[in-house]
Protein backbone atom coordinates (compact mmCIF):
# COMPACT_ATOMS: atom_id res chain seq x y z
CA UNK A 1 0.03 -0.01 -0.03
CA UNK A 2 1.35 3.36 -0.87
CA UNK A 3 0.92 6.33 1.46
CA UNK A 4 0.38 9.87 0.04
CA UNK A 5 3.77 10.94 1.16
CA UNK A 6 5.21 8.23 -1.18
CA UNK A 7 3.34 9.42 -4.10
CA UNK A 8 4.42 13.09 -3.57
CA UNK A 9 8.02 12.08 -3.73
CA UNK A 10 7.50 9.95 -6.80
CA UNK A 11 6.06 12.53 -8.52
CA UNK A 12 8.17 15.39 -7.70
CA UNK A 13 11.65 15.27 -9.40
CA UNK A 14 12.77 18.09 -7.17
CA UNK A 15 12.18 16.32 -3.93
CA UNK A 16 15.08 14.93 -1.96
CA UNK A 17 13.52 11.52 -1.85
CA UNK A 18 12.37 11.15 -5.43
CA UNK A 19 15.10 8.75 -6.36
CA UNK A 20 14.41 6.46 -3.48
CA UNK A 21 10.73 6.73 -4.29
CA UNK A 22 11.51 5.85 -7.99
CA UNK A 23 13.70 2.81 -6.88
CA UNK A 24 10.86 1.41 -4.74
CA UNK A 25 8.30 2.00 -7.50
CA UNK A 26 10.60 0.33 -10.04
CA UNK A 27 11.47 -2.62 -7.80
CA UNK A 28 7.54 -3.23 -7.11
CA UNK A 29 6.84 -3.14 -10.79
CA UNK A 30 9.61 -5.57 -11.75
CA UNK A 31 8.76 -7.84 -9.02
CA UNK A 32 5.22 -7.82 -10.08
CA UNK A 33 4.01 -6.70 -6.68
CA UNK A 34 0.43 -5.37 -6.56
CA UNK A 35 0.29 -1.72 -5.57
CA UNK A 36 -2.62 -0.43 -3.91
CA UNK A 37 -3.68 3.20 -3.14
CA UNK A 38 -6.36 4.19 -0.65
CA UNK A 39 -9.16 6.67 -1.55
CA UNK A 40 -7.86 8.45 1.70
CA UNK A 41 -4.42 9.09 0.14
CA UNK A 42 -6.12 10.24 -3.16
CA UNK A 43 -7.99 12.79 -1.09
CA UNK A 44 -4.98 14.01 0.60
CA UNK A 45 -2.96 14.23 -2.72
CA UNK A 46 -5.63 16.27 -4.44
CA UNK A 47 -5.30 18.96 -1.71
CA UNK A 48 -2.40 20.35 -3.82
CA UNK A 49 -2.15 17.93 -6.89
CA UNK A 50 -4.61 16.47 -9.36
CA UNK A 51 -5.63 12.90 -9.45
CA UNK A 52 -4.58 12.79 -13.17
CA UNK A 53 -0.99 13.27 -12.14
CA UNK A 54 -1.14 9.88 -10.02
CA UNK A 55 0.18 6.74 -11.80
CA UNK A 56 -3.54 5.10 -11.80
CA UNK A 57 -2.70 2.51 -14.32
CA UNK A 58 -0.25 0.98 -11.99
CA UNK A 59 -2.48 1.13 -8.80
CA UNK A 60 -5.47 -0.68 -7.42
CA UNK A 61 -7.82 1.87 -5.80
CA UNK A 62 -8.95 0.71 -2.25
CA UNK A 63 -12.16 2.40 -0.96
CA UNK A 64 -12.27 3.14 2.95
CA UNK A 65 -15.08 0.57 3.92
CA UNK A 66 -16.98 -0.27 6.98
CA UNK A 67 -14.35 -3.01 8.33
CA UNK A 68 -11.65 -0.42 7.79
CA UNK A 69 -13.69 2.00 9.89
CA UNK A 70 -14.10 -0.37 12.70
CA UNK A 71 -10.33 -1.35 12.83
CA UNK A 72 -9.33 2.22 12.69
CA UNK A 73 -11.34 2.94 15.76
CA UNK A 74 -9.71 0.10 17.40
CA UNK A 75 -6.36 1.21 16.50
CA UNK A 76 -6.83 4.90 17.28
CA UNK A 77 -8.35 3.81 20.95
CA UNK A 78 -4.93 2.15 21.30
CA UNK A 79 -3.21 5.19 20.71
CA UNK A 80 -5.28 7.24 22.76
CA UNK A 81 -4.71 4.74 25.66
CA UNK A 82 -1.18 5.14 25.44
CA UNK A 83 -1.36 8.77 25.17
CA UNK A 84 0.62 8.71 22.03
CA UNK A 85 -2.06 10.06 19.78
CA UNK A 86 -1.89 13.41 18.34
CA UNK A 87 -3.66 15.79 20.49
CA UNK A 88 -7.09 16.69 19.23
CA UNK A 89 -10.23 18.33 20.53
CA UNK A 90 -12.57 16.32 22.75
CA UNK A 91 -14.45 14.74 20.01
CA UNK A 92 -13.24 11.58 18.52
CA UNK A 93 -10.93 11.96 15.54
CA UNK A 94 -9.39 9.26 13.83
CA UNK A 95 -6.23 10.50 11.95
CA UNK A 96 -5.58 9.48 8.24
CA UNK A 97 -2.42 7.53 9.08
CA UNK A 98 -4.52 5.30 11.45
CA UNK A 99 -7.21 4.83 8.68
CA UNK A 100 -4.55 3.84 6.37
CA UNK A 101 -3.08 1.37 8.63
CA UNK A 102 -6.37 -0.07 9.18
CA UNK A 103 -7.04 -0.62 5.61
CA UNK A 104 -3.74 -2.24 5.25
CA UNK A 105 -4.35 -4.61 8.35
CA UNK A 106 -7.78 -5.52 7.00
CA UNK A 107 -6.71 -6.43 3.58
CA UNK A 108 -4.94 -9.73 3.87
CA UNK A 109 -3.36 -9.31 0.40
CA UNK A 110 -1.43 -6.12 1.73
CA UNK A 111 1.88 -7.02 3.55
CA UNK A 112 3.53 -3.56 3.22
CA UNK A 113 3.02 0.18 3.78
CA UNK A 114 5.36 2.30 1.93
CA UNK A 115 5.85 5.92 3.06
CA UNK A 116 8.34 8.85 3.74
CA UNK A 117 6.53 9.80 6.93
CA UNK A 118 8.59 9.17 9.80
CA UNK A 119 5.90 10.25 12.26
CA UNK A 120 3.83 7.54 10.84
CA UNK A 121 6.50 5.09 11.58
CA UNK A 122 6.32 6.36 15.30
CA UNK A 123 2.59 5.71 15.20
CA UNK A 124 3.01 2.34 13.62
CA UNK A 125 5.46 1.20 16.24
CA UNK A 126 3.28 2.52 19.03
CA UNK A 127 0.27 0.46 17.79
CA UNK A 128 2.43 -2.54 16.99
CA UNK A 129 3.45 -2.65 20.60
CA UNK A 130 -0.13 -3.54 21.75
CA UNK A 131 -1.82 -4.97 18.68
CA UNK A 132 -0.89 -7.36 16.12
CA UNK A 133 -0.63 -5.75 12.67
CA UNK A 134 -0.36 -7.98 9.50
CA UNK A 135 1.67 -5.66 7.40
CA UNK A 136 5.38 -4.29 7.46
CA UNK A 137 6.20 -0.61 7.52
CA UNK A 138 8.67 0.80 4.91
CA UNK A 139 10.18 4.26 5.10
CA UNK A 140 11.81 5.19 1.88
CA UNK A 141 14.26 7.12 3.63
CA UNK A 142 16.07 3.58 3.61
CA UNK A 143 16.78 2.96 0.10
CA UNK A 144 14.86 0.09 -1.46
CA UNK A 145 17.96 -2.06 -1.90
CA UNK A 146 18.61 -1.84 1.74
CA UNK A 147 15.02 -2.62 2.66
CA UNK A 148 14.92 -5.77 0.37
CA UNK A 149 18.41 -6.75 0.34
CA UNK A 150 19.60 -6.73 -3.11
CA UNK A 151 22.35 -5.16 -4.89
CA UNK A 152 21.46 -1.65 -6.70
CA UNK A 153 22.92 -2.42 -10.39
CA UNK A 154 22.38 0.50 -12.56
């Protein structure tokens, strides 16, 4: 599953992590790994970009469904109980990262979450300490060849 921050870096040639994002994207395509993108990430991307910029022909779009919502509430409750949730008003707010984690956790064919959001990594670690998650977290600040253990031949 590709996070919004990954897509932003992939599509911005001036971004410091652009080459890392391209390396991951190329790796996934050559390994025939199915890439999924949440409707939540598309909404976030469209705040400053257009959906037509996204590599949609290479992505399966995943809508946010009822089972995702239930799991997101459970994961957010874990963060709130640990006092590691970002501070919000008194009303119940589920942050987008947690919604995306819930989607990845509910979908049995998703085994990785790819992002450049180190803060998301902290949330992932915090949740993972108290709940089993069915996917791994990949921060593209770590080059793809280091994450997957291959020699980067150019």
